[in-house]
């Protein structure tokens, strides 16, 4: 069973507070994963609860154990930014 082995100085309560105040959906999902793991859920159970692949859950837990919150941050995406903004008139 994959578990949280290093909270990098963050208490359970601090992680919950970060989850509750985070504006980034991707970070909320990753923090939720860490919190559920600390609550004793297995990676398979977490995957079923939040509708993610178990491999992804295991990756997030492993990355958090190794790098803390910094490891959960989204990496910049390669390529040019999309042109979703409307042109100025």
PDB file of N, CA and C in Angstrom:
ATOM      1  N   UNK A   1       0.844  -1.187   0.000  1.00  0.00           N
ATOM      2  CA  UNK A   1       0.000   0.000   0.000  1.00  0.00           C
ATOM      3  C   UNK A   1       0.883   1.242   0.000  1.00  0.00           C
ATOM      4  N   UNK A   2       0.620   2.145  -0.911  1.00  0.00           N
ATOM      5  CA  UNK A   2       1.363   3.392  -1.007  1.00  0.00           C
ATOM      6  C   UNK A   2       0.783   4.388  -0.010  1.00  0.00           C
ATOM      7  N   UNK A   3       1.624   4.955   0.834  1.00  0.00           N
ATOM      8  CA  UNK A   3       1.159   5.891   1.850  1.00  0.00           C
ATOM      9  C   UNK A   3       2.008   7.154   1.840  1.00  0.00           C
ATOM     10  N   UNK A   4       1.517   8.160   2.521  1.00  0.00           N
ATOM     11  CA  UNK A   4       2.275   9.395   2.680  1.00  0.00           C
ATOM     12  C   UNK A   4       3.371   9.127   3.708  1.00  0.00           C
ATOM     13  N   UNK A   5       4.601   9.321   3.296  1.00  0.00           N
ATOM     14  CA  UNK A   5       5.727   9.068   4.192  1.00  0.00           C
ATOM     15  C   UNK A   5       6.423  10.348   4.628  1.00  0.00           C
ATOM     16  N   UNK A   6       6.086  11.459   3.991  1.00  0.00           N
ATOM     17  CA  UNK A   6       6.731  12.724   4.326  1.00  0.00           C
ATOM     18  C   UNK A   6       5.758  13.865   4.048  1.00  0.00           C
ATOM     19  N   UNK A   7       5.326  14.553   5.082  1.00  0.00           N
ATOM     20  CA  UNK A   7       4.393  15.673   4.890  1.00  0.00           C
ATOM     21  C   UNK A   7       5.126  16.994   4.691  1.00  0.00           C
ATOM     22  N   UNK A   8       6.446  16.963   4.681  1.00  0.00           N
ATOM     23  CA  UNK A   8       7.254  18.163   4.444  1.00  0.00           C
ATOM     24  C   UNK A   8       6.865  19.306   5.386  1.00  0.00           C
ATOM     25  N   UNK A   9       6.573  18.951   6.623  1.00  0.00           N
ATOM     26  CA  UNK A   9       6.264  19.965   7.634  1.00  0.00           C
ATOM     27  C   UNK A   9       4.827  20.452   7.630  1.00  0.00           C
ATOM     28  N   UNK A  10       3.992  19.916   6.759  1.00  0.00           N
ATOM     29  CA  UNK A  10       2.595  20.324   6.725  1.00  0.00           C
ATOM     30  C   UNK A  10       1.776  19.389   7.598  1.00  0.00           C
ATOM     31  N   UNK A  11       1.010  19.968   8.492  1.00  0.00           N
ATOM     32  CA  UNK A  11       0.109  19.156   9.310  1.00  0.00           C
ATOM     33  C   UNK A  11      -1.122  18.793   8.472  1.00  0.00           C
ATOM     34  N   UNK A  12      -1.846  17.807   8.924  1.00  0.00           N
ATOM     35  CA  UNK A  12      -3.094  17.402   8.278  1.00  0.00           C
ATOM     36  C   UNK A  12      -4.027  18.607   8.173  1.00  0.00           C
ATOM     37  N   UNK A  13      -4.140  19.355   9.260  1.00  0.00           N
ATOM     38  CA  UNK A  13      -5.036  20.520   9.287  1.00  0.00           C
ATOM     39  C   UNK A  13      -4.610  21.576   8.271  1.00  0.00           C
ATOM     40  N   UNK A  14      -3.303  21.781   8.116  1.00  0.00           N
ATOM     41  CA  UNK A  14      -2.793  22.762   7.155  1.00  0.00           C
ATOM     42  C   UNK A  14      -3.103  22.309   5.728  1.00  0.00           C
ATOM     43  N   UNK A  15      -2.959  21.011   5.458  1.00  0.00           N
ATOM     44  CA  UNK A  15      -3.284  20.503   4.129  1.00  0.00           C
ATOM     45  C   UNK A  15      -4.770  20.670   3.816  1.00  0.00           C
ATOM     46  N   UNK A  16      -5.625  20.423   4.812  1.00  0.00           N
ATOM     47  CA  UNK A  16      -7.071  20.615   4.629  1.00  0.00           C
ATOM     48  C   UNK A  16      -7.364  22.096   4.379  1.00  0.00           C
ATOM     49  N   UNK A  17      -6.720  22.976   5.117  1.00  0.00           N
ATOM     50  CA  UNK A  17      -6.923  24.417   4.927  1.00  0.00           C
ATOM     51  C   UNK A  17      -6.484  24.845   3.522  1.00  0.00           C
ATOM     52  N   UNK A  18      -5.368  24.319   3.057  1.00  0.00           N
ATOM     53  CA  UNK A  18      -4.910  24.627   1.695  1.00  0.00           C
ATOM     54  C   UNK A  18      -5.912  24.122   0.664  1.00  0.00           C
ATOM     55  N   UNK A  19      -6.438  22.929   0.894  1.00  0.00           N
ATOM     56  CA  UNK A  19      -7.450  22.366  -0.006  1.00  0.00           C
ATOM     57  C   UNK A  19      -8.683  23.275  -0.062  1.00  0.00           C
ATOM     58  N   UNK A  20      -9.129  23.729   1.085  1.00  0.00           N
ATOM     59  CA  UNK A  20     -10.349  24.540   1.158  1.00  0.00           C
ATOM     60  C   UNK A  20     -10.182  25.924   0.545  1.00  0.00           C
ATOM     61  N   UNK A  21      -8.965  26.452   0.545  1.00  0.00           N
ATOM     62  CA  UNK A  21      -8.748  27.806   0.045  1.00  0.00           C
ATOM     63  C   UNK A  21      -8.146  27.864  -1.354  1.00  0.00           C
ATOM     64  N   UNK A  22      -7.718  26.727  -1.872  1.00  0.00           N
ATOM     65  CA  UNK A  22      -7.093  26.714  -3.194  1.00  0.00           C
ATOM     66  C   UNK A  22      -8.098  27.111  -4.267  1.00  0.00           C
ATOM     67  N   UNK A  23      -7.668  27.962  -5.171  1.00  0.00           N
ATOM     68  CA  UNK A  23      -8.507  28.402  -6.293  1.00  0.00           C
ATOM     69  C   UNK A  23      -8.272  27.545  -7.531  1.00  0.00           C
ATOM     70  N   UNK A  24      -7.151  26.835  -7.560  1.00  0.00           N
ATOM     71  CA  UNK A  24      -6.788  26.012  -8.713  1.00  0.00           C
ATOM     72  C   UNK A  24      -7.420  24.623  -8.601  1.00  0.00           C
ATOM     73  N   UNK A  25      -8.238  24.262  -9.562  1.00  0.00           N
ATOM     74  CA  UNK A  25      -8.934  22.979  -9.536  1.00  0.00           C
ATOM     75  C   UNK A  25      -7.957  21.812  -9.518  1.00  0.00           C
ATOM     76  N   UNK A  26      -6.896  21.902 -10.323  1.00  0.00           N
ATOM     77  CA  UNK A  26      -5.932  20.805 -10.366  1.00  0.00           C
ATOM     78  C   UNK A  26      -5.262  20.603  -9.006  1.00  0.00           C
ATOM     79  N   UNK A  27      -4.967  21.707  -8.294  1.00  0.00           N
ATOM     80  CA  UNK A  27      -4.321  21.589  -6.990  1.00  0.00           C
ATOM     81  C   UNK A  27      -5.292  21.054  -5.947  1.00  0.00           C
ATOM     82  N   UNK A  28      -6.552  21.470  -6.015  1.00  0.00           N
ATOM     83  CA  UNK A  28      -7.563  20.937  -5.085  1.00  0.00           C
ATOM     84  C   UNK A  28      -7.657  19.421  -5.243  1.00  0.00           C
ATOM     85  N   UNK A  29      -7.667  18.945  -6.481  1.00  0.00           N
ATOM     86  CA  UNK A  29      -7.772  17.515  -6.735  1.00  0.00           C
ATOM     87  C   UNK A  29      -6.559  16.766  -6.174  1.00  0.00           C
ATOM     88  N   UNK A  30      -5.386  17.317  -6.348  1.00  0.00           N
ATOM     89  CA  UNK A  30      -4.166  16.675  -5.857  1.00  0.00           C
ATOM     90  C   UNK A  30      -4.088  16.716  -4.338  1.00  0.00           C
ATOM     91  N   UNK A  31      -4.465  17.845  -3.759  1.00  0.00           N
ATOM     92  CA  UNK A  31      -4.497  17.923  -2.294  1.00  0.00           C
ATOM     93  C   UNK A  31      -5.532  16.962  -1.721  1.00  0.00           C
ATOM     94  N   UNK A  32      -6.667  16.844  -2.382  1.00  0.00           N
ATOM     95  CA  UNK A  32      -7.710  15.919  -1.952  1.00  0.00           C
ATOM     96  C   UNK A  32      -7.153  14.496  -1.923  1.00  0.00           C
ATOM     97  N   UNK A  33      -6.378  14.150  -2.942  1.00  0.00           N
ATOM     98  CA  UNK A  33      -5.731  12.838  -3.005  1.00  0.00           C
ATOM     99  C   UNK A  33      -4.826  12.617  -1.799  1.00  0.00           C
ATOM    100  N   UNK A  34      -4.013  13.603  -1.456  1.00  0.00           N
ATOM    101  CA  UNK A  34      -3.091  13.478  -0.325  1.00  0.00           C
ATOM    102  C   UNK A  34      -3.868  13.342   0.982  1.00  0.00           C
ATOM    103  N   UNK A  35      -4.912  14.122   1.142  1.00  0.00           N
ATOM    104  CA  UNK A  35      -5.736  14.073   2.354  1.00  0.00           C
ATOM    105  C   UNK A  35      -6.407  12.710   2.489  1.00  0.00           C
ATOM    106  N   UNK A  36      -6.959  12.202   1.395  1.00  0.00           N
ATOM    107  CA  UNK A  36      -7.600  10.883   1.440  1.00  0.00           C
ATOM    108  C   UNK A  36      -6.588   9.788   1.779  1.00  0.00           C
ATOM    109  N   UNK A  37      -5.384   9.925   1.263  1.00  0.00           N
ATOM    110  CA  UNK A  37      -4.337   8.957   1.586  1.00  0.00           C
ATOM    111  C   UNK A  37      -4.001   9.010   3.076  1.00  0.00           C
ATOM    112  N   UNK A  38      -3.908  10.218   3.616  1.00  0.00           N
ATOM    113  CA  UNK A  38      -3.650  10.372   5.055  1.00  0.00           C
ATOM    114  C   UNK A  38      -4.809   9.818   5.883  1.00  0.00           C
ATOM    115  N   UNK A  39      -6.018   9.843   5.319  1.00  0.00           N
ATOM    116  CA  UNK A  39      -7.185   9.282   5.998  1.00  0.00           C
ATOM    117  C   UNK A  39      -7.205   7.754   5.951  1.00  0.00           C
ATOM    118  N   UNK A  40      -6.258   7.159   5.229  1.00  0.00           N
ATOM    119  CA  UNK A  40      -6.148   5.707   5.201  1.00  0.00           C
ATOM    120  C   UNK A  40      -6.702   5.028   3.962  1.00  0.00           C
ATOM    121  N   UNK A  41      -7.179   5.800   2.991  1.00  0.00           N
ATOM    122  CA  UNK A  41      -7.676   5.214   1.753  1.00  0.00           C
ATOM    123  C   UNK A  41      -6.516   4.709   0.900  1.00  0.00           C
ATOM    124  N   UNK A  42      -6.729   3.611   0.198  1.00  0.00           N
ATOM    125  CA  UNK A  42      -5.707   3.095  -0.713  1.00  0.00           C
ATOM    126  C   UNK A  42      -5.752   3.884  -2.014  1.00  0.00           C
ATOM    127  N   UNK A  43      -4.705   3.750  -2.818  1.00  0.00           N
ATOM    128  CA  UNK A  43      -4.684   4.459  -4.097  1.00  0.00           C
ATOM    129  C   UNK A  43      -5.837   4.000  -5.004  1.00  0.00           C
ATOM    130  N   UNK A  44      -6.192   2.729  -4.937  1.00  0.00           N
ATOM    131  CA  UNK A  44      -7.323   2.233  -5.718  1.00  0.00           C
ATOM    132  C   UNK A  44      -8.639   2.841  -5.270  1.00  0.00           C
ATOM    133  N   UNK A  45      -8.829   2.952  -3.974  1.00  0.00           N
ATOM    134  CA  UNK A  45     -10.057   3.559  -3.439  1.00  0.00           C
ATOM    135  C   UNK A  45     -10.130   5.039  -3.809  1.00  0.00           C
ATOM    136  N   UNK A  46      -9.002   5.729  -3.711  1.00  0.00           N
ATOM    137  CA  UNK A  46      -8.973   7.156  -4.063  1.00  0.00           C
ATOM    138  C   UNK A  46      -9.303   7.321  -5.543  1.00  0.00           C
ATOM    139  N   UNK A  47      -8.719   6.469  -6.385  1.00  0.00           N
ATOM    140  CA  UNK A  47      -8.972   6.543  -7.822  1.00  0.00           C
ATOM    141  C   UNK A  47     -10.460   6.396  -8.117  1.00  0.00           C
ATOM    142  N   UNK A  48     -11.112   5.464  -7.452  1.00  0.00           N
ATOM    143  CA  UNK A  48     -12.557   5.272  -7.664  1.00  0.00           C
ATOM    144  C   UNK A  48     -13.357   6.474  -7.142  1.00  0.00           C
ATOM    145  N   UNK A  49     -12.941   7.027  -6.011  1.00  0.00           N
ATOM    146  CA  UNK A  49     -13.681   8.156  -5.432  1.00  0.00           C
ATOM    147  C   UNK A  49     -13.613   9.414  -6.288  1.00  0.00           C
ATOM    148  N   UNK A  50     -12.436   9.713  -6.808  1.00  0.00           N
ATOM    149  CA  UNK A  50     -12.302  10.966  -7.561  1.00  0.00           C
ATOM    150  C   UNK A  50     -12.265  10.767  -9.072  1.00  0.00           C
ATOM    151  N   UNK A  51     -12.543   9.510  -9.492  1.00  0.00           N
ATOM    152  CA  UNK A  51     -12.665   9.201 -10.926  1.00  0.00           C
ATOM    153  C   UNK A  51     -11.379   9.489 -11.699  1.00  0.00           C
ATOM    154  N   UNK A  52     -10.280   8.991 -11.170  1.00  0.00           N
ATOM    155  CA  UNK A  52      -8.978   9.104 -11.818  1.00  0.00           C
ATOM    156  C   UNK A  52      -8.349   7.730 -11.925  1.00  0.00           C
ATOM    157  N   UNK A  53      -7.393   7.603 -12.804  1.00  0.00           N
ATOM    158  CA  UNK A  53      -6.656   6.370 -12.963  1.00  0.00           C
ATOM    159  C   UNK A  53      -5.764   6.145 -11.731  1.00  0.00           C
ATOM    160  N   UNK A  54      -5.681   4.901 -11.283  1.00  0.00           N
ATOM    161  CA  UNK A  54      -4.876   4.603 -10.097  1.00  0.00           C
ATOM    162  C   UNK A  54      -3.410   4.960 -10.309  1.00  0.00           C
ATOM    163  N   UNK A  55      -2.916   4.819 -11.517  1.00  0.00           N
ATOM    164  CA  UNK A  55      -1.526   5.180 -11.813  1.00  0.00           C
ATOM    165  C   UNK A  55      -1.284   6.669 -11.534  1.00  0.00           C
ATOM    166  N   UNK A  56      -2.245   7.502 -11.884  1.00  0.00           N
ATOM    167  CA  UNK A  56      -2.146   8.937 -11.632  1.00  0.00           C
ATOM    168  C   UNK A  56      -2.113   9.214 -10.129  1.00  0.00           C
ATOM    169  N   UNK A  57      -2.977   8.555  -9.382  1.00  0.00           N
ATOM    170  CA  UNK A  57      -3.029   8.732  -7.928  1.00  0.00           C
ATOM    171  C   UNK A  57      -1.698   8.339  -7.303  1.00  0.00           C
ATOM    172  N   UNK A  58      -1.161   7.209  -7.730  1.00  0.00           N
ATOM    173  CA  UNK A  58       0.114   6.737  -7.191  1.00  0.00           C
ATOM    174  C   UNK A  58       1.235   7.724  -7.518  1.00  0.00           C
ATOM    175  N   UNK A  59       1.188   8.290  -8.721  1.00  0.00           N
ATOM    176  CA  UNK A  59       2.198   9.275  -9.128  1.00  0.00           C
ATOM    177  C   UNK A  59       2.130  10.510  -8.238  1.00  0.00           C
ATOM    178  N   UNK A  60       0.907  11.014  -7.975  1.00  0.00           N
ATOM    179  CA  UNK A  60       0.766  12.199  -7.136  1.00  0.00           C
ATOM    180  C   UNK A  60       1.263  11.937  -5.716  1.00  0.00           C
ATOM    181  N   UNK A  61       0.944  10.776  -5.169  1.00  0.00           N
ATOM    182  CA  UNK A  61       1.382  10.450  -3.807  1.00  0.00           C
ATOM    183  C   UNK A  61       2.902  10.328  -3.764  1.00  0.00           C
ATOM    184  N   UNK A  62       3.466   9.634  -4.731  1.00  0.00           N
ATOM    185  CA  UNK A  62       4.920   9.470  -4.787  1.00  0.00           C
ATOM    186  C   UNK A  62       5.609  10.833  -4.912  1.00  0.00           C
ATOM    187  N   UNK A  63       5.082  11.675  -5.796  1.00  0.00           N
ATOM    188  CA  UNK A  63       5.666  13.002  -6.011  1.00  0.00           C
ATOM    189  C   UNK A  63       5.558  13.859  -4.759  1.00  0.00           C
ATOM    190  N   UNK A  64       4.416  13.795  -4.065  1.00  0.00           N
ATOM    191  CA  UNK A  64       4.264  14.555  -2.828  1.00  0.00           C
ATOM    192  C   UNK A  64       5.264  14.062  -1.780  1.00  0.00           C
ATOM    193  N   UNK A  65       5.429  12.753  -1.665  1.00  0.00           N
ATOM    194  CA  UNK A  65       6.391  12.209  -0.704  1.00  0.00           C
ATOM    195  C   UNK A  65       7.800  12.723  -0.978  1.00  0.00           C
ATOM    196  N   UNK A  66       8.131  12.858  -2.247  1.00  0.00           N
ATOM    197  CA  UNK A  66       9.489  13.251  -2.622  1.00  0.00           C
ATOM    198  C   UNK A  66       9.708  14.767  -2.609  1.00  0.00           C
ATOM    199  N   UNK A  67       8.701  15.528  -3.087  1.00  0.00           N
ATOM    200  CA  UNK A  67       8.906  16.968  -3.300  1.00  0.00           C
ATOM    201  C   UNK A  67       7.944  17.881  -2.543  1.00  0.00           C
ATOM    202  N   UNK A  68       6.995  17.329  -1.832  1.00  0.00           N
ATOM    203  CA  UNK A  68       6.024  18.162  -1.118  1.00  0.00           C
ATOM    204  C   UNK A  68       5.067  18.856  -2.068  1.00  0.00           C
ATOM    205  N   UNK A  69       4.538  19.997  -1.641  1.00  0.00           N
ATOM    206  CA  UNK A  69       3.563  20.733  -2.458  1.00  0.00           C
ATOM    207  C   UNK A  69       4.143  21.157  -3.798  1.00  0.00           C
ATOM    208  N   UNK A  70       5.422  21.466  -3.819  1.00  0.00           N
ATOM    209  CA  UNK A  70       6.069  21.887  -5.068  1.00  0.00           C
ATOM    210  C   UNK A  70       5.905  20.812  -6.144  1.00  0.00           C
ATOM    211  N   UNK A  71       5.948  19.549  -5.737  1.00  0.00           N
ATOM    212  CA  UNK A  71       5.797  18.456  -6.682  1.00  0.00           C
ATOM    213  C   UNK A  71       4.395  18.322  -7.241  1.00  0.00           C
ATOM    214  N   UNK A  72       3.413  18.880  -6.553  1.00  0.00           N
ATOM    215  CA  UNK A  72       2.024  18.797  -7.016  1.00  0.00           C
ATOM    216  C   UNK A  72       1.653  19.915  -7.981  1.00  0.00           C
ATOM    217  N   UNK A  73       2.524  20.920  -8.093  1.00  0.00           N
ATOM    218  CA  UNK A  73       2.221  22.036  -8.989  1.00  0.00           C
ATOM    219  C   UNK A  73       2.242  21.574 -10.436  1.00  0.00           C
ATOM    220  N   UNK A  74       1.442  22.216 -11.228  1.00  0.00           N
ATOM    221  CA  UNK A  74       1.341  21.883 -12.649  1.00  0.00           C
ATOM    222  C   UNK A  74       2.592  22.392 -13.361  1.00  0.00           C
ATOM    223  N   UNK A  75       3.144  21.537 -14.165  1.00  0.00           N
ATOM    224  CA  UNK A  75       4.290  21.926 -14.990  1.00  0.00           C
ATOM    225  C   UNK A  75       3.767  22.755 -16.155  1.00  0.00           C
ATOM    226  N   UNK A  76       4.600  23.673 -16.650  1.00  0.00           N
ATOM    227  CA  UNK A  76       4.157  24.463 -17.802  1.00  0.00           C
ATOM    228  C   UNK A  76       4.015  23.538 -19.002  1.00  0.00           C
ATOM    229  N   UNK A  77       3.001  23.798 -19.778  1.00  0.00           N
ATOM    230  CA  UNK A  77       2.699  22.962 -20.933  1.00  0.00           C
ATOM    231  C   UNK A  77       3.553  23.392 -22.116  1.00  0.00           C
ATOM    232  N   UNK A  78       4.072  22.442 -22.890  1.00  0.00           N
ATOM    233  CA  UNK A  78       4.894  22.799 -24.043  1.00  0.00           C
ATOM    234  C   UNK A  78       4.054  23.391 -25.165  1.00  0.00           C
ATOM    235  N   UNK A  79       4.701  24.119 -26.043  1.00  0.00           N
ATOM    236  CA  UNK A  79       4.012  24.654 -27.219  1.00  0.00           C
ATOM    237  C   UNK A  79       3.583  26.092 -27.044  1.00  0.00           C
ATOM    238  N   UNK A  80       3.040  26.631 -28.101  1.00  0.00           N
ATOM    239  CA  UNK A  80       2.568  28.015 -28.092  1.00  0.00           C
ATOM    240  C   UNK A  80       1.263  28.132 -27.334  1.00  0.00           C
ATOM    241  N   UNK A  81       1.036  29.269 -26.701  1.00  0.00           N
ATOM    242  CA  UNK A  81      -0.266  29.491 -26.053  1.00  0.00           C
ATOM    243  C   UNK A  81      -1.370  29.498 -27.110  1.00  0.00           C
ATOM    244  N   UNK A  82      -2.559  29.056 -26.714  1.00  0.00           N
ATOM    245  CA  UNK A  82      -3.673  29.049 -27.665  1.00  0.00           C
ATOM    246  C   UNK A  82      -4.171  30.463 -27.888  1.00  0.00           C
ATOM    247  N   UNK A  83      -4.882  30.634 -28.976  1.00  0.00           N
ATOM    248  CA  UNK A  83      -5.426  31.952 -29.316  1.00  0.00           C
ATOM    249  C   UNK A  83      -6.897  31.992 -28.958  1.00  0.00           C
ATOM    250  N   UNK A  84      -7.209  31.813 -27.705  1.00  0.00           N
ATOM    251  CA  UNK A  84      -8.601  31.785 -27.264  1.00  0.00           C
ATOM    252  C   UNK A  84      -9.161  33.181 -26.990  1.00  0.00           C
ATOM    253  N   UNK A  85      -8.293  34.154 -26.858  1.00  0.00           N
ATOM    254  CA  UNK A  85      -8.770  35.504 -26.586  1.00  0.00           C
ATOM    255  C   UNK A  85      -9.373  36.107 -27.843  1.00  0.00           C
ATOM    256  N   UNK A  86     -10.422  36.896 -27.653  1.00  0.00           N
ATOM    257  CA  UNK A  86     -11.034  37.590 -28.784  1.00  0.00           C
ATOM    258  C   UNK A  86     -10.109  38.731 -29.219  1.00  0.00           C
ATOM    259  N   UNK A  87     -10.012  38.955 -30.516  1.00  0.00           N
ATOM    260  CA  UNK A  87      -9.164  40.068 -30.985  1.00  0.00           C
ATOM    261  C   UNK A  87      -9.755  41.406 -30.557  1.00  0.00           C
ATOM    262  N   UNK A  88      -8.875  42.365 -30.323  1.00  0.00           N
ATOM    263  CA  UNK A  88      -9.302  43.721 -29.955  1.00  0.00           C
ATOM    264  C   UNK A  88      -9.877  44.410 -31.183  1.00  0.00           C
ATOM    265  N   UNK A  89     -10.949  45.148 -30.992  1.00  0.00           N
ATOM    266  CA  UNK A  89     -11.557  45.881 -32.112  1.00  0.00           C
ATOM    267  C   UNK A  89     -11.488  47.342 -31.879  1.00  0.00           C
TER     268      UNK A  89
END
